[in-house]
């Protein structure tokens, strides 16, 4: 796709030093191991994610349908719109930001476009198609397409970070010449829900660009 850059490696959840009060990172969901050709192999002794499975275990159920067109992620405490293609169709980046900022749904007016860490937290790395998996978890209309985050790429501020929901890949795209999917989110980030297991780290962004 035109104007999209997918880095070969991106560590989205920023690691912290092991001090009291640091972030506990979630497991990725991956439980299998593979060789360099992509063939599944025994995990024993590989040191791969599928063997180590480091991180906080996911709660069961991972998501709760609130019965009001919203879904709560019991791992992060974030509340998402149940309809993941909201509104129907795609938008340019600034239009996506404006739409989420002005959304009033089910009595909540603090909806926003998720940052890249929040968006990437929805990806299940054990699934070939995260969008299909999310649809099986109670969400509707999760698109096998790119989703906008609110996070600008510091290396080139004309680009914003996106997540490809059909693969879980994270990359950047030109803000002014691409229309992406929009998925509003609210709350979370500090225990807004009592049943949340983790709090996601901030992205580090401190300026509007």
N, C-alpha and C. Protein backbone atom coordinates (compact mmCIF):
# COMPACT_ATOMS: atom_id res chain seq x y z
N UNK A 1 0.85 -1.20 0.00
CA UNK A 1 0.00 0.00 0.00
C UNK A 1 0.88 1.24 0.00
N UNK A 2 0.48 2.24 -0.67
CA UNK A 2 1.26 3.44 -0.88
C UNK A 2 1.49 4.22 0.41
N UNK A 3 2.70 4.76 0.56
CA UNK A 3 3.03 5.65 1.67
C UNK A 3 3.00 5.00 3.05
N UNK A 4 3.11 3.67 3.09
CA UNK A 4 3.10 3.00 4.39
C UNK A 4 4.46 2.39 4.65
N UNK A 5 4.97 2.62 5.84
CA UNK A 5 6.26 2.07 6.23
C UNK A 5 6.05 1.11 7.38
N UNK A 6 6.44 -0.15 7.21
CA UNK A 6 6.36 -1.14 8.27
C UNK A 6 7.77 -1.45 8.72
N UNK A 7 8.17 -1.10 9.95
CA UNK A 7 9.52 -1.38 10.41
C UNK A 7 9.73 -2.87 10.62
N UNK A 8 10.98 -3.31 10.48
CA UNK A 8 11.27 -4.73 10.67
C UNK A 8 11.14 -5.13 12.12
N UNK A 9 11.28 -4.17 13.03
CA UNK A 9 11.15 -4.50 14.46
C UNK A 9 10.64 -3.28 15.20
N UNK A 10 9.66 -3.50 16.03
CA UNK A 10 9.16 -2.39 16.83
C UNK A 10 8.78 -2.92 18.19
N UNK A 11 9.40 -2.38 19.24
CA UNK A 11 9.08 -2.78 20.60
C UNK A 11 8.12 -1.76 21.15
N UNK A 12 6.82 -2.05 21.03
CA UNK A 12 5.81 -1.06 21.37
C UNK A 12 5.73 -0.81 22.86
N UNK A 13 5.72 -1.86 23.66
CA UNK A 13 5.59 -1.67 25.09
C UNK A 13 6.96 -1.35 25.66
N UNK A 14 7.20 -0.09 26.01
CA UNK A 14 8.50 0.36 26.44
C UNK A 14 8.88 -0.27 27.76
N UNK A 15 10.06 -0.93 27.80
CA UNK A 15 10.48 -1.60 29.01
C UNK A 15 10.89 -0.60 30.06
N UNK A 16 10.64 -0.92 31.32
CA UNK A 16 11.02 -0.07 32.42
C UNK A 16 12.09 -0.76 33.24
N UNK A 17 12.83 0.01 34.03
CA UNK A 17 13.76 -0.59 34.95
C UNK A 17 12.98 -1.29 36.04
N UNK A 18 13.59 -2.28 36.68
CA UNK A 18 12.86 -3.09 37.64
C UNK A 18 12.83 -2.40 38.99
N UNK A 19 12.02 -1.37 39.10
CA UNK A 19 11.82 -0.64 40.33
C UNK A 19 10.36 -0.76 40.74
N UNK A 20 10.11 -0.52 42.01
CA UNK A 20 8.74 -0.60 42.50
C UNK A 20 7.85 0.36 41.73
N UNK A 21 6.65 -0.11 41.37
CA UNK A 21 5.70 0.74 40.68
C UNK A 21 5.86 0.77 39.18
N UNK A 22 6.73 -0.07 38.62
CA UNK A 22 6.88 -0.09 37.18
C UNK A 22 5.75 -0.88 36.54
N UNK A 23 5.63 -0.75 35.22
CA UNK A 23 4.55 -1.39 34.48
C UNK A 23 4.79 -2.89 34.37
N UNK A 24 3.74 -3.67 34.59
CA UNK A 24 3.78 -5.11 34.34
C UNK A 24 3.24 -5.35 32.94
N UNK A 25 4.08 -5.83 32.04
CA UNK A 25 3.68 -6.03 30.65
C UNK A 25 2.85 -7.29 30.51
N UNK A 26 1.86 -7.29 29.60
CA UNK A 26 1.03 -8.47 29.40
C UNK A 26 1.74 -9.50 28.52
N UNK A 27 1.31 -10.75 28.63
CA UNK A 27 1.75 -11.76 27.68
C UNK A 27 1.28 -11.38 26.28
N UNK A 28 1.97 -11.90 25.26
CA UNK A 28 1.58 -11.60 23.88
C UNK A 28 0.45 -12.49 23.40
N UNK A 29 0.25 -13.64 24.07
CA UNK A 29 -0.73 -14.61 23.61
C UNK A 29 -0.11 -15.76 22.85
N UNK A 30 1.16 -15.63 22.46
CA UNK A 30 1.81 -16.66 21.65
C UNK A 30 2.27 -17.83 22.53
N UNK A 31 1.95 -19.05 22.08
CA UNK A 31 2.33 -20.25 22.83
C UNK A 31 3.08 -21.26 21.97
N UNK A 32 3.22 -21.00 20.68
CA UNK A 32 3.94 -21.90 19.78
C UNK A 32 5.30 -21.31 19.40
N UNK A 33 6.20 -22.17 18.89
CA UNK A 33 7.53 -21.74 18.47
C UNK A 33 7.77 -22.18 17.02
N UNK A 34 8.67 -21.44 16.32
CA UNK A 34 8.87 -21.67 14.89
C UNK A 34 10.34 -21.52 14.54
N UNK A 35 10.77 -22.23 13.48
CA UNK A 35 12.13 -22.05 13.00
C UNK A 35 12.18 -20.89 12.02
N UNK A 36 13.35 -20.65 11.42
CA UNK A 36 13.51 -19.48 10.55
C UNK A 36 12.70 -19.59 9.26
N UNK A 37 12.24 -20.79 8.92
CA UNK A 37 11.41 -20.97 7.72
C UNK A 37 9.92 -20.91 8.04
N UNK A 38 9.61 -20.75 9.34
CA UNK A 38 8.21 -20.64 9.74
C UNK A 38 7.56 -21.96 10.08
N UNK A 39 8.36 -23.02 10.18
CA UNK A 39 7.82 -24.34 10.53
C UNK A 39 7.71 -24.44 12.05
N UNK A 40 6.58 -24.93 12.54
CA UNK A 40 6.40 -25.06 13.98
C UNK A 40 7.34 -26.12 14.54
N UNK A 41 7.98 -25.81 15.65
CA UNK A 41 8.93 -26.72 16.30
C UNK A 41 8.62 -26.79 17.79
N UNK A 42 9.28 -27.72 18.47
CA UNK A 42 9.16 -27.80 19.91
C UNK A 42 9.75 -26.54 20.53
N UNK A 43 9.10 -26.04 21.56
CA UNK A 43 9.57 -24.81 22.19
C UNK A 43 10.73 -25.03 23.15
N UNK A 44 10.93 -26.24 23.60
CA UNK A 44 11.91 -26.52 24.65
C UNK A 44 13.30 -26.02 24.28
N UNK A 45 13.84 -25.13 25.11
CA UNK A 45 15.21 -24.65 24.93
C UNK A 45 15.39 -23.59 23.87
N UNK A 46 14.32 -23.13 23.22
CA UNK A 46 14.48 -22.15 22.14
C UNK A 46 14.65 -20.73 22.65
N UNK A 47 14.09 -20.44 23.80
CA UNK A 47 14.11 -19.07 24.31
C UNK A 47 13.13 -18.16 23.61
N UNK A 48 12.30 -18.72 22.72
CA UNK A 48 11.31 -17.92 22.02
C UNK A 48 10.17 -17.52 22.94
N UNK A 49 9.42 -16.54 22.50
CA UNK A 49 8.27 -16.05 23.25
C UNK A 49 7.32 -17.19 23.59
N UNK A 50 7.11 -18.10 22.64
CA UNK A 50 6.20 -19.22 22.86
C UNK A 50 6.62 -20.12 23.99
N UNK A 51 7.93 -20.19 24.26
CA UNK A 51 8.42 -20.99 25.38
C UNK A 51 8.37 -20.21 26.69
N UNK A 52 8.90 -18.99 26.67
CA UNK A 52 9.03 -18.22 27.90
C UNK A 52 7.68 -17.70 28.38
N UNK A 53 6.87 -17.18 27.45
CA UNK A 53 5.55 -16.63 27.75
C UNK A 53 5.61 -15.65 28.91
N UNK A 54 6.57 -14.73 28.81
CA UNK A 54 6.74 -13.73 29.86
C UNK A 54 5.58 -12.75 29.87
N UNK A 55 5.29 -12.22 31.04
CA UNK A 55 4.28 -11.19 31.16
C UNK A 55 3.11 -11.62 32.00
N UNK A 56 2.20 -10.68 32.20
CA UNK A 56 1.01 -10.91 33.01
C UNK A 56 0.00 -11.75 32.21
N UNK A 57 -0.52 -12.79 32.85
CA UNK A 57 -1.51 -13.64 32.20
C UNK A 57 -2.79 -12.87 31.92
N UNK A 58 -3.44 -13.17 30.81
CA UNK A 58 -4.69 -12.52 30.47
C UNK A 58 -5.81 -13.02 31.36
N UNK A 59 -6.73 -12.13 31.74
CA UNK A 59 -7.90 -12.57 32.52
C UNK A 59 -8.85 -13.37 31.63
N UNK A 60 -9.70 -14.13 32.25
CA UNK A 60 -10.72 -14.89 31.53
C UNK A 60 -12.09 -14.51 32.10
N UNK A 61 -12.97 -13.89 31.32
CA UNK A 61 -12.78 -13.57 29.91
C UNK A 61 -11.89 -12.34 29.74
N UNK A 62 -11.27 -12.24 28.58
CA UNK A 62 -10.43 -11.08 28.30
C UNK A 62 -11.30 -9.84 28.14
N UNK A 63 -12.44 -9.98 27.47
CA UNK A 63 -13.31 -8.83 27.20
C UNK A 63 -14.70 -9.05 27.78
N UNK A 64 -15.32 -7.97 28.21
CA UNK A 64 -16.70 -8.02 28.72
C UNK A 64 -17.58 -7.13 27.86
N UNK A 65 -18.67 -7.71 27.37
CA UNK A 65 -19.68 -6.95 26.63
C UNK A 65 -20.54 -6.23 27.66
N UNK A 66 -20.55 -4.91 27.64
CA UNK A 66 -21.28 -4.13 28.63
C UNK A 66 -22.76 -3.99 28.31
N UNK A 67 -23.17 -4.53 27.16
CA UNK A 67 -24.59 -4.50 26.81
C UNK A 67 -25.09 -3.14 26.36
N UNK A 68 -24.18 -2.23 26.07
CA UNK A 68 -24.58 -0.88 25.66
C UNK A 68 -23.76 -0.38 24.49
N UNK A 69 -23.35 -1.31 23.63
CA UNK A 69 -22.53 -0.99 22.46
C UNK A 69 -21.09 -0.66 22.83
N UNK A 70 -20.67 -1.04 24.03
CA UNK A 70 -19.28 -0.86 24.44
C UNK A 70 -18.73 -2.19 24.95
N UNK A 71 -17.41 -2.33 24.91
CA UNK A 71 -16.71 -3.52 25.40
C UNK A 71 -15.58 -3.07 26.32
N UNK A 72 -15.41 -3.75 27.46
CA UNK A 72 -14.32 -3.45 28.36
C UNK A 72 -13.25 -4.52 28.25
N UNK A 73 -12.00 -4.11 28.09
CA UNK A 73 -10.87 -5.02 28.09
C UNK A 73 -10.47 -5.23 29.56
N UNK A 74 -10.68 -6.42 30.07
CA UNK A 74 -10.42 -6.71 31.48
C UNK A 74 -8.93 -6.78 31.80
N UNK A 75 -8.08 -6.78 30.77
CA UNK A 75 -6.64 -6.76 30.98
C UNK A 75 -6.15 -5.34 31.22
N UNK A 76 -6.61 -4.40 30.42
CA UNK A 76 -6.11 -3.03 30.47
C UNK A 76 -7.06 -2.04 31.12
N UNK A 77 -8.33 -2.41 31.23
CA UNK A 77 -9.33 -1.48 31.75
C UNK A 77 -9.85 -0.51 30.72
N UNK A 78 -9.37 -0.60 29.49
CA UNK A 78 -9.84 0.30 28.45
C UNK A 78 -11.24 -0.09 27.99
N UNK A 79 -12.06 0.90 27.71
CA UNK A 79 -13.39 0.67 27.14
C UNK A 79 -13.36 1.06 25.67
N UNK A 80 -13.78 0.14 24.81
CA UNK A 80 -13.82 0.34 23.37
C UNK A 80 -15.26 0.33 22.88
N UNK A 81 -15.51 0.98 21.76
CA UNK A 81 -16.81 0.80 21.12
C UNK A 81 -16.89 -0.63 20.62
N UNK A 82 -18.05 -1.24 20.78
CA UNK A 82 -18.22 -2.62 20.32
C UNK A 82 -18.06 -2.69 18.81
N UNK A 83 -18.60 -1.71 18.12
CA UNK A 83 -18.45 -1.61 16.67
C UNK A 83 -17.05 -1.06 16.38
N UNK A 84 -16.20 -1.88 15.81
CA UNK A 84 -14.81 -1.48 15.58
C UNK A 84 -14.59 -0.76 14.26
N UNK A 85 -15.65 -0.50 13.56
CA UNK A 85 -15.56 0.29 12.33
C UNK A 85 -16.48 1.47 12.53
N UNK A 86 -16.05 2.39 13.38
CA UNK A 86 -16.93 3.42 13.92
C UNK A 86 -16.45 4.80 13.53
N UNK A 87 -17.14 5.58 12.73
CA UNK A 87 -18.36 5.17 12.03
C UNK A 87 -18.00 4.30 10.83
N UNK A 88 -18.99 3.82 10.12
CA UNK A 88 -18.70 2.99 8.95
C UNK A 88 -17.85 3.76 7.95
N UNK A 89 -16.81 3.12 7.47
CA UNK A 89 -15.92 3.77 6.52
C UNK A 89 -14.65 4.26 7.19
N UNK A 90 -13.77 4.84 6.42
CA UNK A 90 -12.47 5.30 6.91
C UNK A 90 -12.39 6.82 6.91
N UNK A 91 -11.39 7.33 7.64
CA UNK A 91 -11.21 8.77 7.74
C UNK A 91 -9.74 9.13 7.65
N UNK A 92 -9.47 10.38 7.27
CA UNK A 92 -8.12 10.90 7.36
C UNK A 92 -7.78 11.10 8.84
N UNK A 93 -6.49 11.25 9.15
CA UNK A 93 -6.02 11.26 10.54
C UNK A 93 -6.66 12.38 11.37
N UNK A 94 -6.63 13.60 10.89
CA UNK A 94 -7.19 14.71 11.66
C UNK A 94 -8.69 14.55 11.83
N UNK A 95 -9.36 14.03 10.82
CA UNK A 95 -10.80 13.79 10.91
C UNK A 95 -11.10 12.69 11.92
N UNK A 96 -10.22 11.69 11.99
CA UNK A 96 -10.39 10.60 12.96
C UNK A 96 -10.25 11.13 14.38
N UNK A 97 -9.24 11.98 14.60
CA UNK A 97 -9.05 12.59 15.92
C UNK A 97 -10.27 13.41 16.32
N UNK A 98 -10.73 14.24 15.41
CA UNK A 98 -11.86 15.12 15.69
C UNK A 98 -13.13 14.32 15.96
N UNK A 99 -13.35 13.28 15.18
CA UNK A 99 -14.56 12.46 15.35
C UNK A 99 -14.59 11.84 16.75
N UNK A 100 -13.47 11.23 17.15
CA UNK A 100 -13.42 10.56 18.46
C UNK A 100 -13.54 11.58 19.60
N UNK A 101 -12.88 12.72 19.45
CA UNK A 101 -12.92 13.75 20.50
C UNK A 101 -14.32 14.30 20.72
N UNK A 102 -15.15 14.26 19.69
CA UNK A 102 -16.49 14.83 19.77
C UNK A 102 -17.59 13.78 19.90
N UNK A 103 -17.19 12.53 20.04
CA UNK A 103 -18.16 11.44 20.14
C UNK A 103 -18.82 11.44 21.52
N UNK A 104 -20.13 11.32 21.54
CA UNK A 104 -20.89 11.15 22.77
C UNK A 104 -21.68 9.87 22.62
N UNK A 105 -21.30 8.84 23.36
CA UNK A 105 -21.92 7.52 23.20
C UNK A 105 -22.19 6.92 24.56
N UNK A 106 -23.43 6.51 24.76
CA UNK A 106 -23.88 5.84 25.99
C UNK A 106 -23.53 6.64 27.25
N UNK A 107 -23.67 7.96 27.14
CA UNK A 107 -23.46 8.81 28.29
C UNK A 107 -22.02 9.21 28.54
N UNK A 108 -21.10 8.74 27.70
CA UNK A 108 -19.69 9.09 27.85
C UNK A 108 -19.29 10.09 26.77
N UNK A 109 -18.60 11.14 27.17
CA UNK A 109 -18.15 12.15 26.21
C UNK A 109 -16.62 12.25 26.17
N UNK A 110 -15.94 11.29 26.80
CA UNK A 110 -14.48 11.36 26.85
C UNK A 110 -13.82 10.33 25.92
N UNK A 111 -14.51 10.00 24.84
CA UNK A 111 -13.93 9.11 23.84
C UNK A 111 -12.77 9.80 23.14
N UNK A 112 -11.83 9.02 22.64
CA UNK A 112 -10.65 9.57 21.95
C UNK A 112 -10.10 8.50 21.02
N UNK A 113 -9.21 8.92 20.14
CA UNK A 113 -8.50 7.98 19.28
C UNK A 113 -7.40 7.33 20.12
N UNK A 114 -7.27 6.00 20.11
CA UNK A 114 -6.27 5.35 20.97
C UNK A 114 -4.85 5.67 20.55
N UNK A 115 -3.93 5.68 21.52
CA UNK A 115 -2.52 5.79 21.14
C UNK A 115 -2.02 4.45 20.63
N UNK A 116 -0.82 4.41 20.13
CA UNK A 116 -0.33 3.20 19.46
C UNK A 116 -0.18 2.04 20.43
N UNK A 117 0.19 2.29 21.70
CA UNK A 117 0.30 1.21 22.68
C UNK A 117 -1.06 0.60 22.98
N UNK A 118 -2.06 1.47 23.11
CA UNK A 118 -3.41 0.99 23.39
C UNK A 118 -3.95 0.15 22.23
N UNK A 119 -3.76 0.63 21.03
CA UNK A 119 -4.25 -0.08 19.86
C UNK A 119 -3.55 -1.43 19.69
N UNK A 120 -2.24 -1.43 19.89
CA UNK A 120 -1.47 -2.67 19.72
C UNK A 120 -1.78 -3.69 20.81
N UNK A 121 -2.28 -3.21 21.97
CA UNK A 121 -2.60 -4.13 23.07
C UNK A 121 -3.74 -5.08 22.72
N UNK A 122 -4.52 -4.76 21.69
CA UNK A 122 -5.62 -5.62 21.28
C UNK A 122 -5.16 -6.82 20.46
N UNK A 123 -3.93 -6.80 19.98
CA UNK A 123 -3.44 -7.85 19.09
C UNK A 123 -3.12 -9.12 19.89
N UNK A 124 -3.62 -10.23 19.42
CA UNK A 124 -3.28 -11.55 19.96
C UNK A 124 -2.25 -12.17 19.03
N UNK A 125 -1.01 -12.27 19.49
CA UNK A 125 0.09 -12.73 18.63
C UNK A 125 0.03 -14.22 18.34
N UNK A 126 -0.91 -14.93 18.96
CA UNK A 126 -1.09 -16.35 18.66
C UNK A 126 -2.01 -16.56 17.47
N UNK A 127 -2.66 -15.48 17.04
CA UNK A 127 -3.65 -15.59 15.96
C UNK A 127 -3.11 -15.05 14.65
N UNK A 128 -3.34 -15.76 13.57
CA UNK A 128 -2.89 -15.31 12.25
C UNK A 128 -3.64 -14.05 11.83
N UNK A 129 -4.89 -13.94 12.23
CA UNK A 129 -5.72 -12.79 11.84
C UNK A 129 -6.33 -12.20 13.11
N UNK A 130 -5.67 -11.22 13.73
CA UNK A 130 -6.21 -10.61 14.95
C UNK A 130 -7.61 -10.03 14.77
N UNK A 131 -7.94 -9.55 13.56
CA UNK A 131 -9.27 -8.98 13.36
C UNK A 131 -10.35 -10.05 13.51
N UNK A 132 -10.10 -11.24 12.96
CA UNK A 132 -11.06 -12.34 13.08
C UNK A 132 -11.19 -12.78 14.54
N UNK A 133 -10.06 -12.82 15.24
CA UNK A 133 -10.08 -13.21 16.65
C UNK A 133 -10.88 -12.21 17.48
N UNK A 134 -10.67 -10.93 17.24
CA UNK A 134 -11.39 -9.90 17.99
C UNK A 134 -12.89 -9.97 17.71
N UNK A 135 -13.25 -10.25 16.46
CA UNK A 135 -14.68 -10.42 16.15
C UNK A 135 -15.26 -11.62 16.90
N UNK A 136 -14.44 -12.65 17.14
CA UNK A 136 -14.92 -13.82 17.87
C UNK A 136 -15.04 -13.56 19.37
N UNK A 137 -14.44 -12.46 19.84
CA UNK A 137 -14.46 -12.13 21.26
C UNK A 137 -15.62 -11.23 21.66
N UNK A 138 -16.47 -10.89 20.69
CA UNK A 138 -17.64 -10.08 20.99
C UNK A 138 -17.69 -8.74 20.28
N UNK A 139 -16.55 -8.29 19.74
CA UNK A 139 -16.57 -7.06 18.95
C UNK A 139 -17.25 -7.33 17.61
N UNK A 140 -17.67 -6.28 16.94
CA UNK A 140 -18.27 -6.41 15.62
C UNK A 140 -17.53 -5.50 14.64
N UNK A 141 -17.48 -5.91 13.41
CA UNK A 141 -16.93 -5.11 12.31
C UNK A 141 -15.46 -4.75 12.48
N UNK A 142 -14.68 -5.60 13.17
CA UNK A 142 -13.24 -5.37 13.19
C UNK A 142 -12.72 -5.63 11.79
N UNK A 143 -12.11 -4.64 11.20
CA UNK A 143 -11.69 -4.70 9.80
C UNK A 143 -10.29 -5.28 9.65
N UNK A 144 -10.09 -6.07 8.61
CA UNK A 144 -8.75 -6.53 8.24
C UNK A 144 -8.10 -5.39 7.46
N UNK A 145 -7.76 -4.33 8.17
CA UNK A 145 -7.30 -3.10 7.55
C UNK A 145 -6.43 -2.35 8.55
N UNK A 146 -5.90 -1.20 8.12
CA UNK A 146 -5.09 -0.37 9.00
C UNK A 146 -5.98 0.49 9.89
N UNK A 147 -5.61 0.58 11.17
CA UNK A 147 -6.31 1.42 12.13
C UNK A 147 -5.40 2.55 12.58
N UNK A 148 -5.96 3.76 12.62
CA UNK A 148 -5.21 4.93 13.06
C UNK A 148 -4.96 4.87 14.56
N UNK A 149 -3.78 5.33 14.98
CA UNK A 149 -3.55 5.70 16.37
C UNK A 149 -3.42 7.22 16.43
N UNK A 150 -3.43 7.74 17.64
CA UNK A 150 -3.28 9.19 17.83
C UNK A 150 -1.81 9.60 17.92
N UNK A 151 -0.91 8.63 17.76
CA UNK A 151 0.52 8.86 17.99
C UNK A 151 1.26 9.23 16.71
N UNK A 152 1.94 10.35 16.73
CA UNK A 152 2.76 10.80 15.60
C UNK A 152 4.11 10.10 15.62
N UNK A 153 4.65 9.83 14.45
CA UNK A 153 5.99 9.25 14.33
C UNK A 153 7.02 10.36 14.53
N UNK A 154 7.80 10.26 15.61
CA UNK A 154 8.76 11.31 15.93
C UNK A 154 9.86 11.44 14.87
N UNK A 155 10.12 10.37 14.12
CA UNK A 155 11.16 10.41 13.10
C UNK A 155 10.73 11.23 11.88
N UNK A 156 9.44 11.27 11.63
CA UNK A 156 8.87 12.08 10.54
C UNK A 156 7.46 12.45 10.97
N UNK A 157 7.28 13.66 11.45
CA UNK A 157 6.02 14.05 12.05
C UNK A 157 4.88 14.25 11.07
N UNK A 158 5.14 14.03 9.79
CA UNK A 158 4.06 14.01 8.81
C UNK A 158 3.38 12.64 8.80
N UNK A 159 3.94 11.68 9.55
CA UNK A 159 3.41 10.32 9.62
C UNK A 159 2.82 10.05 11.00
N UNK A 160 1.83 9.18 11.05
CA UNK A 160 1.27 8.70 12.33
C UNK A 160 1.36 7.18 12.36
N UNK A 161 1.41 6.62 13.57
CA UNK A 161 1.48 5.17 13.74
C UNK A 161 0.13 4.53 13.48
N UNK A 162 0.17 3.36 12.87
CA UNK A 162 -1.03 2.59 12.57
C UNK A 162 -0.78 1.14 12.96
N UNK A 163 -1.88 0.38 13.13
CA UNK A 163 -1.79 -1.06 13.38
C UNK A 163 -2.61 -1.77 12.31
N UNK A 164 -2.00 -2.76 11.69
CA UNK A 164 -2.68 -3.58 10.68
C UNK A 164 -3.41 -4.70 11.41
N UNK A 165 -4.72 -4.62 11.50
CA UNK A 165 -5.48 -5.57 12.31
C UNK A 165 -5.62 -6.95 11.67
N UNK A 166 -5.18 -7.13 10.43
CA UNK A 166 -5.22 -8.48 9.86
C UNK A 166 -3.95 -9.25 10.19
N UNK A 167 -2.90 -8.55 10.67
CA UNK A 167 -1.63 -9.22 10.94
C UNK A 167 -1.02 -8.83 12.28
N UNK A 168 -1.42 -7.71 12.83
CA UNK A 168 -0.82 -7.21 14.06
C UNK A 168 0.41 -6.36 13.82
N UNK A 169 0.80 -6.15 12.57
CA UNK A 169 1.97 -5.35 12.25
C UNK A 169 1.73 -3.89 12.60
N UNK A 170 2.80 -3.24 13.02
CA UNK A 170 2.73 -1.82 13.37
C UNK A 170 3.62 -1.04 12.42
N UNK A 171 3.13 0.07 11.92
CA UNK A 171 3.91 0.86 10.98
C UNK A 171 3.45 2.31 11.01
N UNK A 172 3.86 3.08 10.01
CA UNK A 172 3.45 4.48 9.94
C UNK A 172 2.92 4.79 8.54
N UNK A 173 2.10 5.82 8.47
CA UNK A 173 1.51 6.22 7.20
C UNK A 173 1.40 7.74 7.19
N UNK A 174 1.44 8.32 6.01
CA UNK A 174 1.32 9.77 5.86
C UNK A 174 -0.07 10.22 6.31
N UNK A 175 -0.10 11.18 7.22
CA UNK A 175 -1.37 11.64 7.79
C UNK A 175 -2.30 12.25 6.74
N UNK A 176 -1.72 12.95 5.80
CA UNK A 176 -2.53 13.77 4.89
C UNK A 176 -3.04 13.03 3.67
N UNK A 177 -2.52 11.83 3.40
CA UNK A 177 -2.89 11.19 2.14
C UNK A 177 -3.42 9.77 2.31
N UNK A 178 -3.86 9.44 3.50
CA UNK A 178 -4.38 8.08 3.72
C UNK A 178 -5.60 8.14 4.61
N UNK A 179 -6.58 7.31 4.31
CA UNK A 179 -7.76 7.16 5.15
C UNK A 179 -7.69 5.81 5.85
N UNK A 180 -7.74 5.83 7.19
CA UNK A 180 -7.67 4.61 7.97
C UNK A 180 -8.94 4.36 8.76
N UNK A 181 -9.02 3.18 9.35
CA UNK A 181 -10.17 2.83 10.18
C UNK A 181 -10.08 3.54 11.53
N UNK A 182 -11.23 3.72 12.15
CA UNK A 182 -11.33 4.49 13.40
C UNK A 182 -11.99 3.62 14.47
N UNK A 183 -11.35 3.54 15.65
CA UNK A 183 -11.88 2.72 16.74
C UNK A 183 -11.76 3.51 18.04
N UNK A 184 -12.81 4.19 18.46
CA UNK A 184 -12.74 5.02 19.66
C UNK A 184 -12.49 4.21 20.94
N UNK A 185 -11.83 4.84 21.88
CA UNK A 185 -11.53 4.22 23.18
C UNK A 185 -11.71 5.28 24.27
N UNK A 186 -11.88 4.83 25.49
CA UNK A 186 -11.97 5.75 26.62
C UNK A 186 -11.45 5.07 27.88
N UNK A 187 -11.16 5.89 28.88
CA UNK A 187 -10.76 5.45 30.22
C UNK A 187 -9.49 4.60 30.20
N UNK A 188 -9.34 3.76 31.23
CA UNK A 188 -8.11 2.99 31.37
C UNK A 188 -6.96 3.88 31.80
N UNK A 189 -5.74 3.42 31.56
CA UNK A 189 -4.52 4.17 31.85
C UNK A 189 -4.47 4.62 33.31
N UNK A 190 -4.50 3.69 34.22
CA UNK A 190 -4.35 4.05 35.61
C UNK A 190 -5.45 3.53 36.50
N UNK A 191 -6.02 2.39 36.13
CA UNK A 191 -6.97 1.75 37.02
C UNK A 191 -8.34 2.37 37.05
N UNK A 192 -8.82 2.91 35.93
CA UNK A 192 -10.16 3.49 35.90
C UNK A 192 -11.22 2.42 36.12
N UNK A 193 -10.88 1.17 35.82
CA UNK A 193 -11.77 0.05 36.08
C UNK A 193 -11.12 -0.84 37.13
N UNK A 194 -11.87 -1.21 38.17
CA UNK A 194 -11.31 -1.97 39.28
C UNK A 194 -10.81 -3.34 38.85
N UNK A 195 -11.36 -3.89 37.77
CA UNK A 195 -10.99 -5.25 37.38
C UNK A 195 -9.82 -5.27 36.39
N UNK A 196 -9.23 -4.12 36.07
CA UNK A 196 -8.11 -4.14 35.13
C UNK A 196 -6.89 -4.75 35.78
N UNK A 197 -6.10 -5.48 35.00
CA UNK A 197 -4.93 -6.19 35.50
C UNK A 197 -3.67 -5.36 35.36
N UNK A 198 -3.54 -4.63 34.25
CA UNK A 198 -2.33 -3.85 33.99
C UNK A 198 -2.70 -2.43 33.60
N UNK A 199 -1.71 -1.55 33.64
CA UNK A 199 -1.82 -0.22 33.05
C UNK A 199 -0.76 -0.12 31.97
N UNK A 200 -1.15 0.34 30.80
CA UNK A 200 -0.21 0.46 29.70
C UNK A 200 0.70 1.66 29.90
N UNK A 201 1.96 1.58 29.45
CA UNK A 201 2.85 2.74 29.56
C UNK A 201 2.43 3.83 28.58
N UNK A 202 2.76 5.07 28.91
CA UNK A 202 2.59 6.16 27.96
C UNK A 202 3.53 5.95 26.79
N UNK A 203 3.23 6.59 25.68
CA UNK A 203 4.08 6.46 24.50
C UNK A 203 5.34 7.33 24.59
N UNK A 204 5.30 8.34 25.44
CA UNK A 204 6.42 9.28 25.53
C UNK A 204 6.15 10.58 24.80
N UNK A 205 5.08 10.64 24.01
CA UNK A 205 4.75 11.86 23.28
C UNK A 205 4.30 12.94 24.25
N UNK A 206 4.82 14.15 24.06
CA UNK A 206 4.46 15.27 24.93
C UNK A 206 4.04 16.51 24.15
N UNK A 207 4.09 16.44 22.79
CA UNK A 207 3.76 17.60 21.96
C UNK A 207 2.75 17.20 20.91
N UNK A 208 1.92 18.17 20.51
CA UNK A 208 1.01 17.96 19.41
C UNK A 208 1.73 18.22 18.11
N UNK A 209 1.58 17.30 17.14
CA UNK A 209 2.29 17.45 15.87
C UNK A 209 1.39 17.05 14.73
